[in-house]
Protein backbone atom coordinates (compact mmCIF):
# COMPACT_ATOMS: atom_id res chain seq x y z
CA MET A 1 95.29 132.25 88.67
CA SER A 2 97.19 133.57 91.72
CA LYS A 3 94.23 132.62 93.92
CA ILE A 4 94.29 129.05 92.59
CA LEU A 5 98.07 128.74 92.98
CA LYS A 6 97.91 130.10 96.51
CA ALA A 7 95.26 127.52 97.42
CA LEU A 8 97.13 124.69 95.70
CA LEU A 9 100.68 125.34 96.85
CA ASN A 10 100.40 125.23 100.61
CA ARG A 11 101.36 122.83 103.35
CA ARG A 12 97.79 122.14 104.41
CA MET A 13 96.76 121.04 100.91
CA LEU A 14 99.81 118.76 100.62
CA CYS A 15 98.92 117.05 103.90
CA VAL A 16 95.28 116.60 102.80
CA PHE A 17 96.59 114.84 99.68
CA LEU A 18 99.02 112.62 101.64
CA TYR A 19 96.34 111.73 104.18
CA GLY A 20 94.12 110.76 101.22
CA ILE A 21 96.74 108.21 100.12
CA SER A 22 96.90 106.77 103.64
CA SER A 23 93.09 106.61 103.74
CA GLY A 24 92.84 104.76 100.42
CA LEU A 25 95.42 102.09 101.23
CA PRO A 26 93.61 99.68 103.63
CA LEU A 27 90.32 99.01 101.80
CA LEU A 28 91.60 96.81 98.96
CA LEU A 29 94.04 95.01 101.26
CA ILE A 30 91.01 93.44 102.96
CA GLY A 31 89.02 93.37 99.69
CA GLY A 32 90.05 92.65 96.11
CA THR A 33 93.77 92.19 96.80
CA LEU A 34 93.10 89.82 99.68
CA LYS A 35 90.72 87.81 97.47
CA ALA A 36 93.49 87.43 94.87
CA TRP A 37 95.79 86.06 97.58
CA MET A 38 93.12 83.66 98.83
CA LYS A 39 92.41 82.49 95.29
CA ASP A 40 96.12 81.80 94.77
CA GLN A 41 95.96 79.64 97.89
CA ASN A 42 92.97 77.70 96.49
CA VAL A 43 90.60 78.88 99.20
CA ASP A 44 86.98 77.92 98.51
CA LEU A 45 85.07 80.63 96.60
CA THR A 46 82.18 80.55 99.06
CA LEU A 47 84.58 81.36 101.90
CA ILE A 48 86.20 84.10 99.83
CA GLY A 49 82.78 85.67 99.34
CA ILE A 50 81.98 85.52 103.05
CA PHE A 51 85.10 87.61 103.73
CA ALA A 52 83.23 90.62 102.36
CA LEU A 53 81.58 90.82 105.82
CA THR A 54 84.92 91.81 107.35
CA GLY A 55 84.47 95.22 105.72
CA LEU A 56 81.35 95.94 107.79
CA PRO A 57 83.08 98.63 109.94
CA TYR A 58 83.28 100.89 106.88
CA THR A 59 79.47 100.93 106.75
CA LEU A 60 78.95 101.37 110.49
CA LYS A 61 81.72 103.88 111.26
CA PHE A 62 79.23 106.54 112.38
CA LEU A 63 78.54 104.44 115.49
CA TRP A 64 81.88 105.22 117.16
CA ALA A 65 82.61 108.56 115.45
CA PRO A 66 81.21 110.49 118.50
CA PHE A 67 83.89 108.89 120.68
CA MET A 68 86.60 110.32 118.41
CA ASP A 69 84.94 113.75 118.51
CA ARG A 70 84.68 113.76 122.29
CA TYR A 71 88.07 112.46 123.44
CA VAL A 72 91.47 113.96 122.64
CA PRO A 73 94.61 111.76 122.67
CA GLY A 74 97.40 113.03 124.90
CA PHE A 75 99.77 113.60 121.97
CA LEU A 76 99.77 115.36 118.56
CA GLY A 77 96.32 116.88 119.15
CA ARG A 78 92.65 116.04 118.66
CA ARG A 79 92.86 114.92 115.02
CA ARG A 80 96.49 113.97 114.35
CA GLY A 81 96.62 111.93 117.54
CA TRP A 82 93.73 109.70 116.47
CA ILE A 83 95.09 109.42 112.91
CA ALA A 84 98.47 108.26 114.26
CA ILE A 85 96.80 105.66 116.51
CA CYS A 86 94.85 104.27 113.53
CA GLN A 87 97.93 104.19 111.30
CA VAL A 88 99.97 102.34 113.92
CA GLY A 89 97.12 99.82 114.25
CA LEU A 90 97.01 99.38 110.47
CA ALA A 91 100.79 98.95 110.17
CA ILE A 92 100.87 96.31 112.92
CA GLY A 93 97.79 94.53 111.51
CA LEU A 94 99.24 94.32 108.01
CA ALA A 95 102.54 93.01 109.40
CA VAL A 96 100.72 90.29 111.36
CA ILE A 97 98.61 89.33 108.33
CA SER A 98 101.82 88.85 106.33
CA THR A 99 102.57 85.83 108.56
CA ILE A 100 99.17 84.16 108.01
CA ASN A 101 98.38 81.32 105.60
CA PRO A 102 94.81 81.99 104.29
CA ALA A 103 94.17 78.35 103.46
CA GLU A 104 95.22 77.07 106.90
CA GLN A 105 94.07 79.92 109.17
CA PRO A 106 90.95 81.50 107.60
CA GLY A 107 89.36 82.24 110.98
CA VAL A 108 92.41 84.12 112.24
CA LEU A 109 92.67 85.97 108.94
CA ALA A 110 88.99 87.01 109.09
CA PHE A 111 89.45 88.36 112.63
CA LEU A 112 92.55 90.34 111.61
CA CYS A 113 90.79 91.73 108.53
CA PHE A 114 87.88 92.90 110.71
CA ILE A 115 90.35 94.68 113.01
CA LEU A 116 92.05 96.25 109.98
CA ALA A 117 88.66 97.42 108.68
CA PHE A 118 87.95 99.00 112.07
CA PHE A 119 91.24 100.92 112.06
CA GLY A 120 90.81 101.82 108.37
CA ALA A 121 87.27 103.13 108.88
CA SER A 122 88.37 105.01 112.01
CA GLN A 123 91.21 106.60 110.07
CA ASP A 124 88.68 107.72 107.43
CA ILE A 125 86.50 109.30 110.13
CA VAL A 126 89.31 111.47 111.47
CA ILE A 127 90.92 112.31 108.12
CA ASP A 128 87.56 113.51 106.77
CA ALA A 129 87.16 115.67 109.87
CA TYR A 130 90.73 116.95 109.58
CA ARG A 131 90.19 118.01 105.96
CA ARG A 132 87.08 120.00 106.88
CA GLU A 133 88.68 121.71 109.86
CA ILE A 134 92.11 122.58 108.42
CA LEU A 135 90.82 124.19 105.20
CA ASP A 136 89.07 127.50 104.73
CA ASP A 137 85.59 127.36 103.20
CA SER A 138 87.01 128.71 99.92
CA GLU A 139 89.49 125.80 99.83
CA LEU A 140 86.99 122.98 100.40
CA GLY A 141 86.52 122.23 96.71
CA LEU A 142 90.20 121.95 95.88
CA GLY A 143 90.86 120.18 99.17
CA SER A 144 88.16 117.63 98.44
CA SER A 145 89.70 116.95 95.02
CA MET A 146 93.16 116.50 96.57
CA GLY A 147 91.72 114.10 99.16
CA VAL A 148 89.75 112.13 96.57
CA ASN A 149 92.76 111.84 94.25
CA GLY A 150 95.02 110.83 97.11
CA TYR A 151 92.49 108.14 98.01
CA ARG A 152 92.49 106.88 94.41
CA ILE A 153 96.29 106.67 94.43
CA GLY A 154 96.22 104.80 97.73
CA MET A 155 93.84 102.27 96.19
CA LEU A 156 96.10 102.00 93.14
CA ILE A 157 99.04 101.14 95.43
CA ALA A 158 96.99 98.57 97.37
CA GLY A 159 95.46 97.14 94.19
CA ALA A 160 97.50 97.33 91.00
CA LEU A 161 100.95 97.68 92.64
CA ALA A 162 100.28 94.90 95.14
CA LEU A 163 99.17 92.54 92.35
CA VAL A 164 102.27 93.32 90.27
CA LEU A 165 104.52 92.77 93.30
CA SER A 166 102.84 89.39 93.96
CA ASP A 167 104.32 88.11 90.69
CA HIS A 168 107.82 88.80 92.02
CA MET A 169 107.57 88.01 95.74
CA THR A 170 105.39 86.06 98.15
CA TRP A 171 102.06 87.46 99.27
CA GLY A 172 103.43 87.68 102.81
CA GLN A 173 106.20 89.95 101.55
CA VAL A 174 103.64 92.04 99.64
CA TYR A 175 101.63 92.67 102.82
CA LEU A 176 104.83 93.42 104.73
CA ALA A 177 105.65 96.02 102.06
CA MET A 178 102.19 97.56 102.48
CA SER A 179 102.81 97.66 106.25
CA ALA A 180 106.08 99.53 105.60
CA ILE A 181 104.21 102.08 103.47
CA MET A 182 101.77 102.64 106.33
CA VAL A 183 104.71 103.16 108.72
CA VAL A 184 105.98 105.88 106.37
CA ALA A 185 102.48 107.42 106.36
CA ILE A 186 102.71 107.91 110.14
CA GLY A 187 105.31 110.58 109.39
CA ILE A 188 102.61 112.78 107.82
CA ASN A 189 101.38 113.60 111.32
CA PHE A 190 104.66 115.33 112.16
CA ILE A 191 104.54 117.72 109.19
CA ALA A 192 100.76 118.33 109.30
CA LEU A 193 99.30 121.26 111.19
CA GLU A 194 96.67 120.56 113.84
CA PRO A 195 93.38 122.36 113.03
CA PRO A 196 92.70 125.41 115.23
CA THR A 197 90.82 124.48 118.40
CA ALA A 198 89.30 127.88 119.14
CA THR A 199 86.22 127.13 116.99
CA ALA A 200 86.48 123.34 117.22
CA LEU A 201 86.28 122.60 120.93
CA PRO A 202 85.33 118.98 121.64
CA PRO A 203 81.85 118.29 123.04
CA LYS A 204 81.72 118.53 126.84
CA SER A 205 80.47 114.97 127.27
CA LEU A 206 80.03 111.77 125.28
CA ARG A 207 76.29 112.33 125.48
CA ASP A 208 76.72 115.72 123.78
CA ALA A 209 78.96 114.09 121.17
CA VAL A 210 76.15 111.66 120.31
CA VAL A 211 73.10 113.93 120.61
CA LEU A 212 74.22 117.33 119.34
CA PRO A 213 75.31 116.26 115.82
CA PHE A 214 71.80 114.91 115.22
CA ALA A 215 70.17 117.92 116.85
CA ASP A 216 72.17 120.23 114.59
CA PHE A 217 70.39 118.77 111.56
CA ILE A 218 67.00 118.09 113.10
CA GLN A 219 66.63 121.65 114.38
CA ARG A 220 67.53 123.26 111.08
CA ALA A 221 64.39 124.48 109.36
CA HIS A 222 65.29 122.50 106.25
CA GLY A 223 67.48 119.73 107.68
CA PHE A 224 65.49 116.87 106.16
CA GLU A 225 65.61 118.58 102.75
CA ILE A 226 69.40 118.57 102.94
CA LEU A 227 69.44 114.86 103.79
CA LEU A 228 67.06 114.17 100.90
CA PHE A 229 69.34 116.10 98.54
CA ILE A 230 72.34 114.03 99.67
CA LEU A 231 70.34 110.89 98.90
CA LEU A 232 69.24 112.10 95.46
CA PHE A 233 72.15 114.04 93.97
CA LYS A 234 74.13 111.01 92.76
CA ILE A 235 71.38 108.40 92.48
CA GLY A 236 71.30 108.56 88.66
CA ASP A 237 75.06 108.18 88.42
CA SER A 238 75.08 105.33 90.98
CA MET A 239 72.39 103.33 89.22
CA ALA A 240 74.02 103.80 85.82
CA SER A 241 77.50 102.77 87.05
CA ASP A 242 76.06 99.66 88.77
CA MET A 243 75.25 98.22 85.35
CA PHE A 244 78.24 99.40 83.27
CA THR A 245 80.07 96.05 83.23
CA PRO A 246 76.98 93.91 82.42
CA PHE A 247 76.14 96.45 79.69
CA TYR A 248 79.62 96.26 78.15
CA LEU A 249 79.52 92.47 78.07
CA ASP A 250 75.93 92.29 76.82
CA VAL A 251 76.53 94.53 73.79
CA GLY A 252 79.67 92.67 72.74
CA TYR A 253 82.82 94.22 74.24
CA SER A 254 85.53 91.78 75.33
CA LYS A 255 86.83 91.54 78.90
CA THR A 256 90.20 92.88 77.75
CA GLU A 257 88.56 95.90 76.13
CA ILE A 258 86.52 96.49 79.27
CA GLY A 259 89.62 96.20 81.46
CA VAL A 260 91.84 98.47 79.40
CA ILE A 261 89.28 101.13 78.47
CA GLY A 262 86.79 100.88 81.30
CA LYS A 263 89.36 100.74 84.09
CA LEU A 264 92.50 102.45 82.74
CA PHE A 265 90.80 105.39 81.02
CA GLY A 266 88.26 105.49 83.82
CA PHE A 267 90.93 105.81 86.50
CA TRP A 268 92.83 108.64 84.84
CA GLY A 269 89.61 110.35 83.78
CA GLY A 270 88.33 110.32 87.34
CA LEU A 271 91.68 111.55 88.65
CA GLY A 272 91.77 114.41 86.16
CA GLY A 273 88.10 115.29 86.69
CA ALA A 274 88.50 115.56 90.46
CA PHE A 275 91.58 117.77 90.09
CA VAL A 276 90.05 120.07 87.46
CA GLY A 277 86.84 120.24 89.45
CA GLY A 278 88.72 121.23 92.58
CA LEU A 279 90.57 124.00 90.74
CA ALA A 280 87.33 125.30 89.22
CA MET A 281 85.65 125.36 92.63
CA VAL A 282 88.15 127.91 93.90
CA ARG A 283 86.35 130.41 91.64
CA LEU A 284 82.87 128.90 91.36
CA GLY A 285 82.24 128.02 94.98
CA VAL A 286 80.37 124.94 96.23
CA ILE A 287 76.78 125.61 95.12
CA LYS A 288 77.58 126.82 91.57
CA SER A 289 79.85 123.81 91.19
CA LEU A 290 77.07 121.45 92.25
CA TRP A 291 74.89 123.00 89.52
CA VAL A 292 77.51 122.96 86.77
CA PHE A 293 79.14 119.62 87.56
CA GLY A 294 75.76 118.03 88.30
CA ILE A 295 74.59 118.95 84.79
CA PHE A 296 77.87 117.62 83.35
CA GLN A 297 77.29 114.37 85.26
CA MET A 298 73.76 114.04 83.85
CA VAL A 299 74.88 114.73 80.26
CA SER A 300 77.76 112.25 80.55
CA THR A 301 75.29 109.53 81.62
CA ALA A 302 73.36 110.23 78.43
CA GLY A 303 76.48 109.12 76.53
CA PHE A 304 75.65 105.53 77.47
CA TYR A 305 72.22 105.90 75.90
CA PHE A 306 73.87 106.67 72.56
CA LEU A 307 76.46 103.93 73.11
CA ALA A 308 73.57 101.47 73.51
CA LEU A 309 72.16 102.46 70.10
CA ILE A 310 75.27 101.64 68.04
CA PRO A 311 77.29 98.46 67.39
CA PRO A 312 80.44 97.96 69.52
CA ASN A 313 82.85 100.78 68.73
CA LEU A 314 86.10 101.16 70.69
CA GLN A 315 86.55 104.85 69.85
CA ALA A 316 83.02 105.65 71.02
CA LEU A 317 83.48 103.53 74.17
CA THR A 318 86.75 105.28 75.00
CA ALA A 319 85.21 108.73 74.53
CA VAL A 320 82.09 107.98 76.59
CA VAL A 321 83.97 106.28 79.45
CA THR A 322 86.57 109.05 79.64
CA VAL A 323 84.02 111.87 79.62
CA GLU A 324 81.79 110.09 82.14
CA ASN A 325 84.66 109.60 84.58
CA ILE A 326 85.86 113.19 84.21
CA CYS A 327 82.37 114.54 84.87
CA THR A 328 81.74 112.14 87.74
CA GLY A 329 85.08 113.10 89.30
CA MET A 330 84.11 116.78 89.12
CA ALA A 331 80.62 116.17 90.57
CA THR A 332 81.97 113.97 93.37
CA THR A 333 84.43 116.67 94.36
CA ALA A 334 81.64 119.26 94.66
CA TYR A 335 79.43 116.75 96.49
CA VAL A 336 82.12 115.92 99.06
CA ALA A 337 82.90 119.62 99.56
CA PHE A 338 79.21 120.36 100.10
CA MET A 339 78.89 117.69 102.77
CA ALA A 340 82.00 119.05 104.49
CA SER A 341 80.57 122.58 104.43
CA LEU A 342 77.49 121.37 106.34
CA CYS A 343 79.46 120.07 109.29
CA ASN A 344 79.65 121.88 112.61
CA LYS A 345 83.34 121.96 113.61
CA ARG A 346 82.53 120.93 117.19
CA PHE A 347 81.67 117.42 115.98
CA THR A 348 82.89 117.21 112.39
CA ALA A 349 83.88 113.54 112.67
CA THR A 350 80.38 112.40 113.67
CA GLN A 351 78.44 114.52 111.18
CA TYR A 352 80.66 113.70 108.22
CA ALA A 353 80.60 110.00 109.08
CA LEU A 354 76.79 110.14 109.12
CA LEU A 355 76.57 112.02 105.82
CA SER A 356 79.11 109.83 104.03
CA SER A 357 77.23 106.71 105.22
CA LEU A 358 74.01 108.24 103.93
CA MET A 359 75.48 108.84 100.47
CA GLY A 360 75.90 105.07 100.06
CA VAL A 361 72.23 104.28 100.71
CA PRO A 362 71.00 104.77 97.09
CA ARG A 363 73.57 102.32 95.75
CA VAL A 364 72.46 99.66 98.22
CA ILE A 365 68.68 100.24 98.21
CA PHE A 366 67.93 101.38 94.66
CA GLY A 367 70.88 99.60 93.08
CA SER A 368 69.29 96.27 93.94
CA SER A 369 66.58 96.97 91.34
CA SER A 370 68.97 98.04 88.56
CA GLY A 371 69.19 94.61 86.93
CA TYR A 372 65.40 94.20 86.86
CA LEU A 373 64.92 97.67 85.36
CA ALA A 374 67.61 97.18 82.71
CA LYS A 375 66.15 93.82 81.71
CA ASN A 376 62.63 95.23 81.27
CA MET A 377 63.49 98.66 79.84
CA GLY A 378 66.33 97.61 77.55
CA TRP A 379 69.70 99.34 77.69
CA PRO A 380 68.70 102.59 75.89
CA GLY A 381 65.58 102.99 78.05
CA TYR A 382 67.48 102.18 81.23
CA PHE A 383 70.17 104.81 80.67
CA LEU A 384 67.54 107.42 79.75
CA PHE A 385 65.85 106.56 83.05
CA CYS A 386 69.18 107.11 84.85
CA VAL A 387 69.53 110.50 83.13
CA ALA A 388 66.09 111.49 84.42
CA LEU A 389 67.06 110.45 87.97
CA HIS A 390 69.58 113.31 88.04
CA LEU A 391 66.81 115.94 87.78
CA PRO A 392 65.28 115.80 91.31
CA GLY A 393 68.63 116.48 92.97
CA LEU A 394 69.45 119.32 90.59
CA LEU A 395 66.04 120.93 91.08
CA MET A 396 66.43 120.78 94.86
CA LEU A 397 69.44 123.10 94.52
CA LEU A 398 66.97 125.93 93.85
CA ARG A 399 66.42 125.98 97.62
CA HIS A 400 70.09 125.97 98.63
CA ARG A 401 70.02 129.40 100.28
CA LEU A 402 67.78 128.01 103.02
CA TRP A 403 70.07 125.10 103.82
CA MET A 404 73.09 126.74 105.41
CA GLN A 405 71.34 128.11 108.51
CA ARG A 406 72.24 126.46 111.82
CA PRO A 407 70.47 126.79 115.16
CA GLN A 408 72.55 129.24 117.23
CA GLU A 409 72.25 127.10 120.35
CA VAL A 410 74.12 124.24 118.68
CA GLU A 411 76.89 126.59 117.59
CA THR A 412 77.40 127.89 121.14
CA GLY A 413 76.99 124.51 122.81
CA THR A 414 73.97 125.61 124.89
CA LEU A 415 71.37 123.50 123.12
CA LYS A 416 68.90 121.89 125.47
CA VAL A 417 67.94 118.43 124.23
CA THR A 418 65.41 116.25 125.98
CA THR A 419 66.24 112.56 125.84
CA VAL A 420 64.80 109.47 127.46
CA PRO A 421 67.09 108.29 130.31
């Protein structure tokens, strides 16, 4: 217990949590919350849908992550300096958006949202790197849970709180309030500690910042196995969750029941699961946690198979949704901690940006077939299929001892890489 309390009650962990809130704030302000504002202004639905493209920087953030690994701002340090720059950009962008009329200036609004997405994605890059570098390896699990829960709270502020405020003030005032919150978040940088630089020296050139992160994985004996594991570990959970809402509606639950149980219980279940998972990881470590929480995640998906066999039942729905979100929160915490543990501290920002982009591939590629599979398999068969999809990732963990080896040349910065001029 003393080990857990020592890990939990420290300044570094508090800052990881607060940075998580700052990281979670921008996404919905250019997503669901913005769409609510546009709908209130009677903007055409087709145009509202097109605005999803303004979030593209979140998918492509790995492209400029090497720049943030290579160059160090002249204030606050390598990580806090970049975070502060991004937060200032977000605060100014939100304040400017508060003066825009979506119905009259959609082009200007789209441009500003794209800029906000760029600063938001850039902030994510550096905060993810900061979390990896400031925490000891034994703290990665709990730190990941604090970051994930902070992110969830940031999204709650930008989503639920912003929508409630919009009933009592103008949307412009709502966005100005969100800008003020981001201004407050800048203060985190003055209480946060800068990660030690002795083992985290920036790459010597931009070329090194681009090439060496890839070389670090390619030259590992089992680098491609690790990447395959990252693709597979959450594929069953991703494909199941893609079809939760259509499943609820198809079997007879009302939209209100889905909203209250699916979202409310889901939110708090995920929050609690991430926190409990982080605490447990202090003792279990990353790999054991991936085993245990991965099995929990698989079993919780099986709950939807049984839910598909019975008539609509609110008690059963509540139980299954709550358990699934708790288990998913625990598994996600271990998954995020594992990805962080793989990163070389010389270019954490680039490697984590690459890995976190990779983890979204199954949802995009395989998720596109989820509707077809559910239609042809039926709901019970589909969820059993999703349960089975958990097995490849779990079985790959049998080879985990081979994954943590890094080429020594990359660690010392002497790696010779041949590239085409």
